[in-house]
Amino acid sequence: MAEGHDRYVEYVLERIRDDRYPSMQLMDRVEAALASREEVRAYLDVLFEKLDDSRYPSKDMMDRVARLAYLT
């Protein structure tokens, strides 16, 4: 069962990583599926990459990072 979960989280993380402006729905999906600190850290890494690549970072993305940072 964990293998399916791990594949799902990795799939959604890759979609978020590859999309220049990932949808809130996609980010909501992965956040609902995060089950370990390692997954939270991997997701935060992706979000920080997005923030670093943006001249004007999204308020929503910054809020997500702030909310999730306490889980690591």
Protein backbone atom coordinates (compact mmCIF):
# COMPACT_ATOMS: atom_id res chain seq x y z
CA MET A 1 0.00 0.00 0.00
CA ALA A 2 2.81 2.42 0.83
CA GLU A 3 4.27 1.90 -2.63
CA GLY A 4 1.12 3.29 -4.23
CA HIS A 5 1.14 6.22 -1.83
CA ASP A 6 4.81 6.94 -2.50
CA ARG A 7 4.26 6.81 -6.26
CA TYR A 8 1.28 9.15 -6.01
CA VAL A 9 3.16 11.72 -3.93
CA GLU A 10 6.17 11.54 -6.26
CA TYR A 11 3.93 11.93 -9.30
CA VAL A 12 2.19 15.01 -7.93
CA LEU A 13 5.50 16.52 -6.74
CA GLU A 14 6.94 16.09 -10.24
CA ARG A 15 3.91 17.78 -11.77
CA ILE A 16 4.31 20.70 -9.36
CA ARG A 17 8.05 20.88 -10.06
CA ASP A 18 7.51 20.86 -13.84
CA ASP A 19 4.68 23.42 -13.93
CA ARG A 20 5.83 27.01 -13.94
CA TYR A 21 2.68 28.01 -12.06
CA PRO A 22 1.28 24.89 -10.39
CA SER A 23 -2.40 25.01 -9.55
CA MET A 24 -3.64 25.41 -6.01
CA GLN A 25 -5.68 22.22 -6.50
CA LEU A 26 -2.53 20.25 -7.33
CA MET A 27 -0.73 21.66 -4.29
CA ASP A 28 -3.80 20.92 -2.12
CA ARG A 29 -3.73 17.30 -3.34
CA VAL A 30 -0.11 16.70 -2.39
CA GLU A 31 -0.51 18.48 0.94
CA ALA A 32 -3.44 16.21 1.79
CA ALA A 33 -1.32 13.16 0.95
CA LEU A 34 1.87 14.08 2.85
CA ALA A 35 2.42 11.35 5.42
CA SER A 36 5.99 11.80 6.65
CA ARG A 37 8.52 14.48 7.45
CA GLU A 38 10.57 13.32 4.48
CA GLU A 39 7.64 13.97 2.14
CA VAL A 40 7.06 17.38 3.71
CA ARG A 41 10.75 18.24 3.24
CA ALA A 42 10.68 17.11 -0.39
CA TYR A 43 7.60 19.22 -1.03
CA LEU A 44 9.15 22.22 0.71
CA ASP A 45 12.25 21.82 -1.48
CA VAL A 46 10.03 22.04 -4.57
CA LEU A 47 8.23 25.11 -3.23
CA PHE A 48 11.48 26.84 -2.30
CA GLU A 49 12.76 26.19 -5.85
CA LYS A 50 9.62 27.89 -7.17
CA LEU A 51 10.06 30.84 -4.83
CA ASP A 52 13.75 31.18 -5.71
CA ASP A 53 12.93 31.21 -9.43
CA SER A 54 10.33 33.96 -9.11
CA ARG A 55 11.02 37.65 -9.01
CA TYR A 56 7.61 38.22 -7.41
CA PRO A 57 6.83 35.11 -5.37
CA SER A 58 3.25 34.07 -4.93
CA LYS A 59 1.68 35.02 -1.59
CA ASP A 60 -0.19 31.72 -1.59
CA MET A 61 3.02 29.75 -2.09
CA MET A 62 4.79 31.71 0.66
CA ASP A 63 1.84 31.01 2.99
CA ARG A 64 2.07 27.31 2.19
CA VAL A 65 5.80 27.26 2.96
CA ALA A 66 5.26 29.11 6.24
CA ARG A 67 2.50 26.69 7.27
CA LEU A 68 4.47 23.55 6.36
CA ALA A 69 7.82 24.69 7.74
CA TYR A 70 6.58 23.92 11.26
CA LEU A 71 6.07 20.26 10.34
CA THR A 72 9.73 19.54 9.66
